[in-house]
Amino acid sequence: MEVDRPLVIEHGETPRGRWLRGNRGRIAVLVALVEGILVLVGEIDWWVVALLAIAGVALYVTRGRIARREEIRHTSWIFAVSQIAVVLVPVLALVVTAFAVIGLVLLAVVALVALLRDRG
């Protein structure tokens, strides 16, 4: 018989706080995904995202971690994590683009060698 994981309810936890705690990773990823797409298509400048990431981390470290209300703690964590993830999107796009260019250059070199060897 398999026992499900027990539901742990923190002292003074509200239903909204419990929901945020359970879903904060998903929410942060969703926000980062939407913002990342907006950055990649040029709707949001990368420097704005970098400033928001700095502000988000500063907010979480200075206020969010010590907030009495759990909703504020979880929301500030979501904001900080999502902004840090968005900062990584252009970096990841740059790395993927670099690999694509390297692959294309290697393919061109192989094609050139094959054509030069076949002077027929």
PDB file of N, CA and C in Angstrom:
ATOM      1  N   MET A   1       0.833  -1.169   0.000  1.00  0.00           N
ATOM      2  CA  MET A   1       0.000   0.000   0.000  1.00  0.00           C
ATOM      3  C   MET A   1       0.885   1.242   0.000  1.00  0.00           C
ATOM      4  N   GLU A   2       0.655   2.112  -0.959  1.00  0.00           N
ATOM      5  CA  GLU A   2       1.455   3.322  -1.094  1.00  0.00           C
ATOM      6  C   GLU A   2       0.759   4.478  -0.374  1.00  0.00           C
ATOM      7  N   VAL A   3       1.528   5.180   0.427  1.00  0.00           N
ATOM      8  CA  VAL A   3       0.987   6.303   1.182  1.00  0.00           C
ATOM      9  C   VAL A   3       1.380   7.588   0.465  1.00  0.00           C
ATOM     10  N   ASP A   4       0.402   8.448   0.254  1.00  0.00           N
ATOM     11  CA  ASP A   4       0.697   9.728  -0.376  1.00  0.00           C
ATOM     12  C   ASP A   4       1.503  10.599   0.568  1.00  0.00           C
ATOM     13  N   ARG A   5       2.219  11.534  -0.013  1.00  0.00           N
ATOM     14  CA  ARG A   5       3.001  12.481   0.772  1.00  0.00           C
ATOM     15  C   ARG A   5       2.042  13.303   1.635  1.00  0.00           C
ATOM     16  N   PRO A   6       2.327  13.446   2.916  1.00  0.00           N
ATOM     17  CA  PRO A   6       1.408  14.203   3.777  1.00  0.00           C
ATOM     18  C   PRO A   6       1.419  15.680   3.430  1.00  0.00           C
ATOM     19  N   LEU A   7       0.276  16.302   3.555  1.00  0.00           N
ATOM     20  CA  LEU A   7       0.153  17.727   3.309  1.00  0.00           C
ATOM     21  C   LEU A   7       0.615  18.471   4.546  1.00  0.00           C
ATOM     22  N   VAL A   8       1.683  19.251   4.378  1.00  0.00           N
ATOM     23  CA  VAL A   8       2.221  20.005   5.500  1.00  0.00           C
ATOM     24  C   VAL A   8       1.678  21.422   5.410  1.00  0.00           C
ATOM     25  N   ILE A   9       1.025  21.853   6.452  1.00  0.00           N
ATOM     26  CA  ILE A   9       0.491  23.207   6.501  1.00  0.00           C
ATOM     27  C   ILE A   9       1.297  23.964   7.536  1.00  0.00           C
ATOM     28  N   GLU A  10       1.944  25.033   7.071  1.00  0.00           N
ATOM     29  CA  GLU A  10       2.736  25.857   7.967  1.00  0.00           C
ATOM     30  C   GLU A  10       1.812  26.635   8.899  1.00  0.00           C
ATOM     31  N   HIS A  11       2.324  26.976  10.053  1.00  0.00           N
ATOM     32  CA  HIS A  11       1.561  27.754  11.018  1.00  0.00           C
ATOM     33  C   HIS A  11       1.219  29.120  10.432  1.00  0.00           C
ATOM     34  N   GLY A  12      -0.051  29.479  10.456  1.00  0.00           N
ATOM     35  CA  GLY A  12      -0.485  30.772   9.965  1.00  0.00           C
ATOM     36  C   GLY A  12      -0.532  30.875   8.453  1.00  0.00           C
ATOM     37  N   GLU A  13      -0.481  29.772   7.743  1.00  0.00           N
ATOM     38  CA  GLU A  13      -0.472  29.785   6.288  1.00  0.00           C
ATOM     39  C   GLU A  13      -1.888  29.981   5.753  1.00  0.00           C
ATOM     40  N   THR A  14      -2.001  30.831   4.754  1.00  0.00           N
ATOM     41  CA  THR A  14      -3.301  31.085   4.133  1.00  0.00           C
ATOM     42  C   THR A  14      -3.441  30.213   2.888  1.00  0.00           C
ATOM     43  N   PRO A  15      -4.663  30.011   2.414  1.00  0.00           N
ATOM     44  CA  PRO A  15      -4.830  29.225   1.180  1.00  0.00           C
ATOM     45  C   PRO A  15      -4.087  29.849  -0.010  1.00  0.00           C
ATOM     46  N   ARG A  16      -4.108  31.168  -0.135  1.00  0.00           N
ATOM     47  CA  ARG A  16      -3.410  31.836  -1.235  1.00  0.00           C
ATOM     48  C   ARG A  16      -1.898  31.635  -1.100  1.00  0.00           C
ATOM     49  N   GLY A  17      -1.384  31.761   0.108  1.00  0.00           N
ATOM     50  CA  GLY A  17       0.046  31.544   0.335  1.00  0.00           C
ATOM     51  C   GLY A  17       0.450  30.113   0.044  1.00  0.00           C
ATOM     52  N   ARG A  18      -0.402  29.166   0.429  1.00  0.00           N
ATOM     53  CA  ARG A  18      -0.139  27.752   0.172  1.00  0.00           C
ATOM     54  C   ARG A  18      -0.120  27.495  -1.336  1.00  0.00           C
ATOM     55  N   TRP A  19      -1.053  28.115  -2.072  1.00  0.00           N
ATOM     56  CA  TRP A  19      -1.110  27.949  -3.524  1.00  0.00           C
ATOM     57  C   TRP A  19       0.136  28.551  -4.171  1.00  0.00           C
ATOM     58  N   LEU A  20       0.528  29.745  -3.731  1.00  0.00           N
ATOM     59  CA  LEU A  20       1.728  30.385  -4.280  1.00  0.00           C
ATOM     60  C   LEU A  20       2.969  29.543  -4.015  1.00  0.00           C
ATOM     61  N   ARG A  21       3.085  29.025  -2.803  1.00  0.00           N
ATOM     62  CA  ARG A  21       4.251  28.197  -2.469  1.00  0.00           C
ATOM     63  C   ARG A  21       4.290  26.949  -3.344  1.00  0.00           C
ATOM     64  N   GLY A  22       3.141  26.348  -3.583  1.00  0.00           N
ATOM     65  CA  GLY A  22       3.097  25.135  -4.389  1.00  0.00           C
ATOM     66  C   GLY A  22       3.325  25.361  -5.874  1.00  0.00           C
ATOM     67  N   ASN A  23       3.050  26.571  -6.350  1.00  0.00           N
ATOM     68  CA  ASN A  23       3.119  26.836  -7.785  1.00  0.00           C
ATOM     69  C   ASN A  23       4.137  27.902  -8.170  1.00  0.00           C
ATOM     70  N   ARG A  24       4.955  28.348  -7.240  1.00  0.00           N
ATOM     71  CA  ARG A  24       5.837  29.471  -7.540  1.00  0.00           C
ATOM     72  C   ARG A  24       6.865  29.154  -8.621  1.00  0.00           C
ATOM     73  N   GLY A  25       7.338  27.937  -8.675  1.00  0.00           N
ATOM     74  CA  GLY A  25       8.281  27.563  -9.743  1.00  0.00           C
ATOM     75  C   GLY A  25       7.629  27.634 -11.114  1.00  0.00           C
ATOM     76  N   ARG A  26       6.417  27.115 -11.224  1.00  0.00           N
ATOM     77  CA  ARG A  26       5.696  27.146 -12.499  1.00  0.00           C
ATOM     78  C   ARG A  26       5.385  28.580 -12.923  1.00  0.00           C
ATOM     79  N   ILE A  27       4.976  29.392 -11.964  1.00  0.00           N
ATOM     80  CA  ILE A  27       4.650  30.785 -12.273  1.00  0.00           C
ATOM     81  C   ILE A  27       5.899  31.520 -12.746  1.00  0.00           C
ATOM     82  N   ALA A  28       7.022  31.315 -12.069  1.00  0.00           N
ATOM     83  CA  ALA A  28       8.271  31.977 -12.451  1.00  0.00           C
ATOM     84  C   ALA A  28       8.698  31.559 -13.856  1.00  0.00           C
ATOM     85  N   VAL A  29       8.576  30.287 -14.180  1.00  0.00           N
ATOM     86  CA  VAL A  29       8.950  29.812 -15.512  1.00  0.00           C
ATOM     87  C   VAL A  29       8.021  30.404 -16.572  1.00  0.00           C
ATOM     88  N   LEU A  30       6.733  30.468 -16.281  1.00  0.00           N
ATOM     89  CA  LEU A  30       5.773  31.026 -17.231  1.00  0.00           C
ATOM     90  C   LEU A  30       6.060  32.507 -17.490  1.00  0.00           C
ATOM     91  N   VAL A  31       6.301  33.266 -16.431  1.00  0.00           N
ATOM     92  CA  VAL A  31       6.626  34.693 -16.586  1.00  0.00           C
ATOM     93  C   VAL A  31       7.920  34.849 -17.381  1.00  0.00           C
ATOM     94  N   ALA A  32       8.921  34.051 -17.056  1.00  0.00           N
ATOM     95  CA  ALA A  32      10.201  34.125 -17.762  1.00  0.00           C
ATOM     96  C   ALA A  32      10.042  33.757 -19.234  1.00  0.00           C
ATOM     97  N   LEU A  33       9.208  32.775 -19.527  1.00  0.00           N
ATOM     98  CA  LEU A  33       8.983  32.358 -20.906  1.00  0.00           C
ATOM     99  C   LEU A  33       8.339  33.478 -21.715  1.00  0.00           C
ATOM    100  N   VAL A  34       7.295  34.084 -21.172  1.00  0.00           N
ATOM    101  CA  VAL A  34       6.610  35.166 -21.879  1.00  0.00           C
ATOM    102  C   VAL A  34       7.546  36.364 -22.065  1.00  0.00           C
ATOM    103  N   GLU A  35       8.215  36.754 -21.000  1.00  0.00           N
ATOM    104  CA  GLU A  35       9.145  37.890 -21.096  1.00  0.00           C
ATOM    105  C   GLU A  35      10.316  37.566 -22.018  1.00  0.00           C
ATOM    106  N   GLY A  36      10.803  36.340 -21.965  1.00  0.00           N
ATOM    107  CA  GLY A  36      11.912  35.944 -22.835  1.00  0.00           C
ATOM    108  C   GLY A  36      11.543  36.041 -24.301  1.00  0.00           C
ATOM    109  N   ILE A  37      10.339  35.637 -24.638  1.00  0.00           N
ATOM    110  CA  ILE A  37       9.871  35.760 -26.021  1.00  0.00           C
ATOM    111  C   ILE A  37       9.802  37.232 -26.422  1.00  0.00           C
ATOM    112  N   LEU A  38       9.289  38.069 -25.516  1.00  0.00           N
ATOM    113  CA  LEU A  38       9.217  39.504 -25.804  1.00  0.00           C
ATOM    114  C   LEU A  38      10.600  40.124 -25.981  1.00  0.00           C
ATOM    115  N   VAL A  39      11.578  39.633 -25.226  1.00  0.00           N
ATOM    116  CA  VAL A  39      12.950  40.123 -25.391  1.00  0.00           C
ATOM    117  C   VAL A  39      13.504  39.684 -26.739  1.00  0.00           C
ATOM    118  N   LEU A  40      13.274  38.428 -27.101  1.00  0.00           N
ATOM    119  CA  LEU A  40      13.822  37.903 -28.350  1.00  0.00           C
ATOM    120  C   LEU A  40      13.227  38.573 -29.582  1.00  0.00           C
ATOM    121  N   VAL A  41      11.952  38.969 -29.519  1.00  0.00           N
ATOM    122  CA  VAL A  41      11.339  39.640 -30.675  1.00  0.00           C
ATOM    123  C   VAL A  41      11.557  41.144 -30.644  1.00  0.00           C
ATOM    124  N   GLY A  42      12.222  41.648 -29.607  1.00  0.00           N
ATOM    125  CA  GLY A  42      12.582  43.047 -29.555  1.00  0.00           C
ATOM    126  C   GLY A  42      11.568  43.974 -28.920  1.00  0.00           C
ATOM    127  N   GLU A  43      10.552  43.438 -28.276  1.00  0.00           N
ATOM    128  CA  GLU A  43       9.546  44.272 -27.622  1.00  0.00           C
ATOM    129  C   GLU A  43      10.050  44.859 -26.301  1.00  0.00           C
ATOM    130  N   ILE A  44      10.959  44.143 -25.655  1.00  0.00           N
ATOM    131  CA  ILE A  44      11.553  44.611 -24.406  1.00  0.00           C
ATOM    132  C   ILE A  44      13.068  44.622 -24.601  1.00  0.00           C
ATOM    133  N   ASP A  45      13.702  45.726 -24.258  1.00  0.00           N
ATOM    134  CA  ASP A  45      15.160  45.806 -24.362  1.00  0.00           C
ATOM    135  C   ASP A  45      15.817  44.955 -23.286  1.00  0.00           C
ATOM    136  N   TRP A  46      16.984  44.401 -23.625  1.00  0.00           N
ATOM    137  CA  TRP A  46      17.682  43.527 -22.690  1.00  0.00           C
ATOM    138  C   TRP A  46      18.137  44.283 -21.458  1.00  0.00           C
ATOM    139  N   TRP A  47      18.530  45.538 -21.616  1.00  0.00           N
ATOM    140  CA  TRP A  47      18.998  46.309 -20.455  1.00  0.00           C
ATOM    141  C   TRP A  47      17.869  46.557 -19.464  1.00  0.00           C
ATOM    142  N   VAL A  48      16.629  46.661 -19.952  1.00  0.00           N
ATOM    143  CA  VAL A  48      15.477  46.814 -19.049  1.00  0.00           C
ATOM    144  C   VAL A  48      15.315  45.545 -18.221  1.00  0.00           C
ATOM    145  N   VAL A  49      15.476  44.403 -18.872  1.00  0.00           N
ATOM    146  CA  VAL A  49      15.374  43.117 -18.173  1.00  0.00           C
ATOM    147  C   VAL A  49      16.484  42.992 -17.137  1.00  0.00           C
ATOM    148  N   ALA A  50      17.686  43.434 -17.479  1.00  0.00           N
ATOM    149  CA  ALA A  50      18.799  43.369 -16.532  1.00  0.00           C
ATOM    150  C   ALA A  50      18.520  44.250 -15.311  1.00  0.00           C
ATOM    151  N   LEU A  51      17.996  45.448 -15.538  1.00  0.00           N
ATOM    152  CA  LEU A  51      17.645  46.322 -14.408  1.00  0.00           C
ATOM    153  C   LEU A  51      16.530  45.720 -13.551  1.00  0.00           C
ATOM    154  N   LEU A  52      15.537  45.113 -14.200  1.00  0.00           N
ATOM    155  CA  LEU A  52      14.467  44.460 -13.447  1.00  0.00           C
ATOM    156  C   LEU A  52      14.997  43.283 -12.624  1.00  0.00           C
ATOM    157  N   ALA A  53      15.965  42.558 -13.176  1.00  0.00           N
ATOM    158  CA  ALA A  53      16.554  41.433 -12.437  1.00  0.00           C
ATOM    159  C   ALA A  53      17.295  41.933 -11.204  1.00  0.00           C
ATOM    160  N   ILE A  54      18.054  43.006 -11.363  1.00  0.00           N
ATOM    161  CA  ILE A  54      18.770  43.575 -10.222  1.00  0.00           C
ATOM    162  C   ILE A  54      17.773  44.052  -9.165  1.00  0.00           C
ATOM    163  N   ALA A  55      16.734  44.745  -9.620  1.00  0.00           N
ATOM    164  CA  ALA A  55      15.707  45.238  -8.687  1.00  0.00           C
ATOM    165  C   ALA A  55      14.971  44.079  -8.015  1.00  0.00           C
ATOM    166  N   GLY A  56      14.672  43.025  -8.775  1.00  0.00           N
ATOM    167  CA  GLY A  56      13.965  41.879  -8.214  1.00  0.00           C
ATOM    168  C   GLY A  56      14.763  41.161  -7.138  1.00  0.00           C
ATOM    169  N   VAL A  57      16.036  40.956  -7.396  1.00  0.00           N
ATOM    170  CA  VAL A  57      16.885  40.294  -6.404  1.00  0.00           C
ATOM    171  C   VAL A  57      17.052  41.181  -5.182  1.00  0.00           C
ATOM    172  N   ALA A  58      17.256  42.477  -5.402  1.00  0.00           N
ATOM    173  CA  ALA A  58      17.406  43.405  -4.274  1.00  0.00           C
ATOM    174  C   ALA A  58      16.128  43.444  -3.437  1.00  0.00           C
ATOM    175  N   LEU A  59      14.992  43.457  -4.103  1.00  0.00           N
ATOM    176  CA  LEU A  59      13.708  43.459  -3.391  1.00  0.00           C
ATOM    177  C   LEU A  59      13.532  42.202  -2.559  1.00  0.00           C
ATOM    178  N   TYR A  60      13.852  41.059  -3.149  1.00  0.00           N
ATOM    179  CA  TYR A  60      13.696  39.803  -2.416  1.00  0.00           C
ATOM    180  C   TYR A  60      14.645  39.731  -1.226  1.00  0.00           C
ATOM    181  N   VAL A  61      15.905  40.115  -1.445  1.00  0.00           N
ATOM    182  CA  VAL A  61      16.901  40.006  -0.378  1.00  0.00           C
ATOM    183  C   VAL A  61      16.613  40.982   0.760  1.00  0.00           C
ATOM    184  N   THR A  62      16.212  42.207   0.417  1.00  0.00           N
ATOM    185  CA  THR A  62      16.030  43.222   1.458  1.00  0.00           C
ATOM    186  C   THR A  62      14.656  43.193   2.103  1.00  0.00           C
ATOM    187  N   ARG A  63      13.629  42.841   1.367  1.00  0.00           N
ATOM    188  CA  ARG A  63      12.265  42.902   1.902  1.00  0.00           C
ATOM    189  C   ARG A  63      11.524  41.573   1.869  1.00  0.00           C
ATOM    190  N   GLY A  64      11.652  40.859   0.773  1.00  0.00           N
ATOM    191  CA  GLY A  64      10.849  39.655   0.568  1.00  0.00           C
ATOM    192  C   GLY A  64      11.119  38.539   1.559  1.00  0.00           C
ATOM    193  N   ARG A  65      12.378  38.290   1.835  1.00  0.00           N
ATOM    194  CA  ARG A  65      12.714  37.185   2.741  1.00  0.00           C
ATOM    195  C   ARG A  65      12.250  37.418   4.164  1.00  0.00           C
ATOM    196  N   ILE A  66      12.142  38.671   4.573  1.00  0.00           N
ATOM    197  CA  ILE A  66      11.778  38.959   5.965  1.00  0.00           C
ATOM    198  C   ILE A  66      10.335  39.441   6.105  1.00  0.00           C
ATOM    199  N   ALA A  67       9.588  39.412   5.006  1.00  0.00           N
ATOM    200  CA  ALA A  67       8.199  39.888   5.053  1.00  0.00           C
ATOM    201  C   ALA A  67       7.368  38.977   5.947  1.00  0.00           C
ATOM    202  N   ARG A  68       6.464  39.582   6.691  1.00  0.00           N
ATOM    203  CA  ARG A  68       5.585  38.793   7.562  1.00  0.00           C
ATOM    204  C   ARG A  68       4.525  38.043   6.770  1.00  0.00           C
ATOM    205  N   ARG A  69       4.039  38.674   5.720  1.00  0.00           N
ATOM    206  CA  ARG A  69       3.000  38.029   4.907  1.00  0.00           C
ATOM    207  C   ARG A  69       3.656  37.085   3.909  1.00  0.00           C
ATOM    208  N   GLU A  70       3.193  35.852   3.923  1.00  0.00           N
ATOM    209  CA  GLU A  70       3.786  34.850   3.050  1.00  0.00           C
ATOM    210  C   GLU A  70       3.547  35.145   1.574  1.00  0.00           C
ATOM    211  N   GLU A  71       2.429  35.809   1.259  1.00  0.00           N
ATOM    212  CA  GLU A  71       2.171  36.150  -0.132  1.00  0.00           C
ATOM    213  C   GLU A  71       3.260  37.082  -0.668  1.00  0.00           C
ATOM    214  N   ILE A  72       3.712  38.004   0.161  1.00  0.00           N
ATOM    215  CA  ILE A  72       4.774  38.922  -0.247  1.00  0.00           C
ATOM    216  C   ILE A  72       6.089  38.157  -0.413  1.00  0.00           C
ATOM    217  N   ARG A  73       6.371  37.236   0.493  1.00  0.00           N
ATOM    218  CA  ARG A  73       7.598  36.429   0.369  1.00  0.00           C
ATOM    219  C   ARG A  73       7.604  35.636  -0.930  1.00  0.00           C
ATOM    220  N   HIS A  74       6.503  34.944  -1.199  1.00  0.00           N
ATOM    221  CA  HIS A  74       6.437  34.103  -2.394  1.00  0.00           C
ATOM    222  C   HIS A  74       6.414  34.939  -3.672  1.00  0.00           C
ATOM    223  N   THR A  75       5.683  36.035  -3.669  1.00  0.00           N
ATOM    224  CA  THR A  75       5.604  36.885  -4.855  1.00  0.00           C
ATOM    225  C   THR A  75       6.952  37.530  -5.161  1.00  0.00           C
ATOM    226  N   SER A  76       7.660  37.980  -4.147  1.00  0.00           N
ATOM    227  CA  SER A  76       8.976  38.577  -4.396  1.00  0.00           C
ATOM    228  C   SER A  76       9.962  37.525  -4.897  1.00  0.00           C
ATOM    229  N   TRP A  77       9.836  36.290  -4.408  1.00  0.00           N
ATOM    230  CA  TRP A  77      10.686  35.203  -4.895  1.00  0.00           C
ATOM    231  C   TRP A  77      10.378  34.924  -6.363  1.00  0.00           C
ATOM    232  N   ILE A  78       9.106  34.848  -6.715  1.00  0.00           N
ATOM    233  CA  ILE A  78       8.700  34.599  -8.102  1.00  0.00           C
ATOM    234  C   ILE A  78       9.256  35.685  -9.012  1.00  0.00           C
ATOM    235  N   PHE A  79       9.122  36.946  -8.579  1.00  0.00           N
ATOM    236  CA  PHE A  79       9.612  38.063  -9.385  1.00  0.00           C
ATOM    237  C   PHE A  79      11.120  37.971  -9.586  1.00  0.00           C
ATOM    238  N   ALA A  80      11.862  37.716  -8.518  1.00  0.00           N
ATOM    239  CA  ALA A  80      13.325  37.646  -8.622  1.00  0.00           C
ATOM    240  C   ALA A  80      13.770  36.499  -9.522  1.00  0.00           C
ATOM    241  N   VAL A  81      13.217  35.328  -9.320  1.00  0.00           N
ATOM    242  CA  VAL A  81      13.626  34.157 -10.106  1.00  0.00           C
ATOM    243  C   VAL A  81      13.260  34.328 -11.577  1.00  0.00           C
ATOM    244  N   SER A  82      12.061  34.823 -11.850  1.00  0.00           N
ATOM    245  CA  SER A  82      11.657  34.986 -13.249  1.00  0.00           C
ATOM    246  C   SER A  82      12.527  36.013 -13.962  1.00  0.00           C
ATOM    247  N   GLN A  83      12.911  37.081 -13.278  1.00  0.00           N
ATOM    248  CA  GLN A  83      13.746  38.098 -13.914  1.00  0.00           C
ATOM    249  C   GLN A  83      15.163  37.588 -14.161  1.00  0.00           C
ATOM    250  N   ILE A  84      15.684  36.811 -13.237  1.00  0.00           N
ATOM    251  CA  ILE A  84      17.009  36.220 -13.452  1.00  0.00           C
ATOM    252  C   ILE A  84      16.966  35.256 -14.637  1.00  0.00           C
ATOM    253  N   ALA A  85      15.898  34.477 -14.738  1.00  0.00           N
ATOM    254  CA  ALA A  85      15.760  33.547 -15.864  1.00  0.00           C
ATOM    255  C   ALA A  85      15.660  34.301 -17.187  1.00  0.00           C
ATOM    256  N   VAL A  86      14.963  35.435 -17.196  1.00  0.00           N
ATOM    257  CA  VAL A  86      14.830  36.221 -18.427  1.00  0.00           C
ATOM    258  C   VAL A  86      16.180  36.793 -18.849  1.00  0.00           C
ATOM    259  N   VAL A  87      17.008  37.167 -17.902  1.00  0.00           N
ATOM    260  CA  VAL A  87      18.345  37.667 -18.235  1.00  0.00           C
ATOM    261  C   VAL A  87      19.132  36.586 -18.969  1.00  0.00           C
ATOM    262  N   LEU A  88      18.896  35.340 -18.629  1.00  0.00           N
ATOM    263  CA  LEU A  88      19.627  34.244 -19.260  1.00  0.00           C
ATOM    264  C   LEU A  88      19.138  33.925 -20.672  1.00  0.00           C
ATOM    265  N   VAL A  89      17.933  34.363 -21.037  1.00  0.00           N
ATOM    266  CA  VAL A  89      17.376  34.045 -22.358  1.00  0.00           C
ATOM    267  C   VAL A  89      18.239  34.602 -23.491  1.00  0.00           C
ATOM    268  N   PRO A  90      18.599  35.889 -23.491  1.00  0.00           N
ATOM    269  CA  PRO A  90      19.458  36.375 -24.587  1.00  0.00           C
ATOM    270  C   PRO A  90      20.826  35.688 -24.612  1.00  0.00           C
ATOM    271  N   VAL A  91      21.361  35.360 -23.458  1.00  0.00           N
ATOM    272  CA  VAL A  91      22.641  34.657 -23.404  1.00  0.00           C
ATOM    273  C   VAL A  91      22.494  33.280 -24.045  1.00  0.00           C
ATOM    274  N   LEU A  92      21.418  32.581 -23.711  1.00  0.00           N
ATOM    275  CA  LEU A  92      21.165  31.270 -24.305  1.00  0.00           C
ATOM    276  C   LEU A  92      20.950  31.395 -25.815  1.00  0.00           C
ATOM    277  N   ALA A  93      20.228  32.423 -26.248  1.00  0.00           N
ATOM    278  CA  ALA A  93      20.013  32.640 -27.682  1.00  0.00           C
ATOM    279  C   ALA A  93      21.337  32.897 -28.389  1.00  0.00           C
ATOM    280  N   LEU A  94      22.221  33.639 -27.759  1.00  0.00           N
ATOM    281  CA  LEU A  94      23.538  33.920 -28.342  1.00  0.00           C
ATOM    282  C   LEU A  94      24.354  32.638 -28.481  1.00  0.00           C
ATOM    283  N   VAL A  95      24.313  31.792 -27.457  1.00  0.00           N
ATOM    284  CA  VAL A  95      25.053  30.522 -27.505  1.00  0.00           C
ATOM    285  C   VAL A  95      24.494  29.621 -28.603  1.00  0.00           C
ATOM    286  N   VAL A  96      23.160  29.518 -28.691  1.00  0.00           N
ATOM    287  CA  VAL A  96      22.545  28.680 -29.727  1.00  0.00           C
ATOM    288  C   VAL A  96      22.876  29.220 -31.112  1.00  0.00           C
ATOM    289  N   THR A  97      22.835  30.539 -31.275  1.00  0.00           N
ATOM    290  CA  THR A  97      23.175  31.155 -32.559  1.00  0.00           C
ATOM    291  C   THR A  97      24.634  30.873 -32.924  1.00  0.00           C
ATOM    292  N   ALA A  98      25.518  30.977 -31.951  1.00  0.00           N
ATOM    293  CA  ALA A  98      26.935  30.704 -32.212  1.00  0.00           C
ATOM    294  C   ALA A  98      27.135  29.262 -32.669  1.00  0.00           C
ATOM    295  N   PHE A  99      26.463  28.321 -32.015  1.00  0.00           N
ATOM    296  CA  PHE A  99      26.575  26.919 -32.430  1.00  0.00           C
ATOM    297  C   PHE A  99      26.003  26.716 -33.827  1.00  0.00           C
ATOM    298  N   ALA A 100      24.923  27.395 -34.150  1.00  0.00           N
ATOM    299  CA  ALA A 100      24.328  27.280 -35.484  1.00  0.00           C
ATOM    300  C   ALA A 100      25.289  27.822 -36.546  1.00  0.00           C
ATOM    301  N   VAL A 101      25.927  28.944 -36.275  1.00  0.00           N
ATOM    302  CA  VAL A 101      26.886  29.526 -37.223  1.00  0.00           C
ATOM    303  C   VAL A 101      28.081  28.601 -37.397  1.00  0.00           C
ATOM    304  N   ILE A 102      28.595  28.057 -36.301  1.00  0.00           N
ATOM    305  CA  ILE A 102      29.725  27.121 -36.383  1.00  0.00           C
ATOM    306  C   ILE A 102      29.337  25.890 -37.201  1.00  0.00           C
ATOM    307  N   GLY A 103      28.146  25.375 -36.964  1.00  0.00           N
ATOM    308  CA  GLY A 103      27.676  24.220 -37.737  1.00  0.00           C
ATOM    309  C   GLY A 103      27.541  24.534 -39.216  1.00  0.00           C
ATOM    310  N   LEU A 104      27.044  25.717 -39.528  1.00  0.00           N
ATOM    311  CA  LEU A 104      26.893  26.122 -40.925  1.00  0.00           C
ATOM    312  C   LEU A 104      28.254  26.293 -41.601  1.00  0.00           C
ATOM    313  N   VAL A 105      29.210  26.865 -40.905  1.00  0.00           N
ATOM    314  CA  VAL A 105      30.559  27.031 -41.452  1.00  0.00           C
ATOM    315  C   VAL A 105      31.198  25.665 -41.690  1.00  0.00           C
ATOM    316  N   LEU A 106      31.060  24.753 -40.739  1.00  0.00           N
ATOM    317  CA  LEU A 106      31.622  23.405 -40.923  1.00  0.00           C
ATOM    318  C   LEU A 106      30.973  22.695 -42.109  1.00  0.00           C
ATOM    319  N   LEU A 107      29.678  22.844 -42.254  1.00  0.00           N
ATOM    320  CA  LEU A 107      28.974  22.243 -43.385  1.00  0.00           C
ATOM    321  C   LEU A 107      29.477  22.842 -44.700  1.00  0.00           C
ATOM    322  N   ALA A 108      29.709  24.149 -44.736  1.00  0.00           N
ATOM    323  CA  ALA A 108      30.224  24.804 -45.939  1.00  0.00           C
ATOM    324  C   ALA A 108      31.630  24.319 -46.266  1.00  0.00           C
ATOM    325  N   VAL A 109      32.467  24.150 -45.253  1.00  0.00           N
ATOM    326  CA  VAL A 109      33.830  23.657 -45.479  1.00  0.00           C
ATOM    327  C   VAL A 109      33.791  22.238 -46.038  1.00  0.00           C
ATOM    328  N   VAL A 110      32.943  21.389 -45.463  1.00  0.00           N
ATOM    329  CA  VAL A 110      32.822  20.010 -45.955  1.00  0.00           C
ATOM    330  C   VAL A 110      32.326  20.012 -47.398  1.00  0.00           C
ATOM    331  N   ALA A 111      31.340  20.852 -47.705  1.00  0.00           N
ATOM    332  CA  ALA A 111      30.821  20.924 -49.074  1.00  0.00           C
ATOM    333  C   ALA A 111      31.893  21.428 -50.033  1.00  0.00           C
ATOM    334  N   LEU A 112      32.671  22.423 -49.625  1.00  0.00           N
ATOM    335  CA  LEU A 112      33.739  22.957 -50.478  1.00  0.00           C
ATOM    336  C   LEU A 112      34.800  21.899 -50.737  1.00  0.00           C
ATOM    337  N   VAL A 113      35.198  21.181 -49.729  1.00  0.00           N
ATOM    338  CA  VAL A 113      36.196  20.107 -49.888  1.00  0.00           C
ATOM    339  C   VAL A 113      35.660  19.037 -50.826  1.00  0.00           C
ATOM    340  N   ALA A 114      34.404  18.668 -50.665  1.00  0.00           N
ATOM    341  CA  ALA A 114      33.811  17.645 -51.527  1.00  0.00           C
ATOM    342  C   ALA A 114      33.765  18.130 -52.983  1.00  0.00           C
ATOM    343  N   LEU A 115      33.428  19.380 -53.205  1.00  0.00           N
ATOM    344  CA  LEU A 115      33.376  19.905 -54.571  1.00  0.00           C
ATOM    345  C   LEU A 115      34.769  20.027 -55.187  1.00  0.00           C
ATOM    346  N   LEU A 116      35.759  20.424 -54.407  1.00  0.00           N
ATOM    347  CA  LEU A 116      37.119  20.552 -54.941  1.00  0.00           C
ATOM    348  C   LEU A 116      37.752  19.210 -55.225  1.00  0.00           C
ATOM    349  N   ARG A 117      37.382  18.188 -54.507  1.00  0.00           N
ATOM    350  CA  ARG A 117      37.930  16.849 -54.755  1.00  0.00           C
ATOM    351  C   ARG A 117      37.301  16.220 -55.995  1.00  0.00           C
ATOM    352  N   ASP A 118      36.139  16.692 -56.368  1.00  0.00           N
ATOM    353  CA  ASP A 118      35.413  16.116 -57.499  1.00  0.00           C
ATOM    354  C   ASP A 118      35.569  17.040 -58.722  1.00  0.00           C
ATOM    355  N   ARG A 119      36.792  17.200 -59.203  1.00  0.00           N
ATOM    356  CA  ARG A 119      37.042  18.074 -60.354  1.00  0.00           C
ATOM    357  C   ARG A 119      36.691  17.386 -61.671  1.00  0.00           C
ATOM    358  N   GLY A 120      36.438  16.163 -61.590  1.00  0.00           N
ATOM    359  CA  GLY A 120      36.065  15.318 -62.633  1.00  0.00           C
ATOM    360  C   GLY A 120      36.258  15.554 -64.006  1.00  0.00           C
TER     361      GLY A 120
END
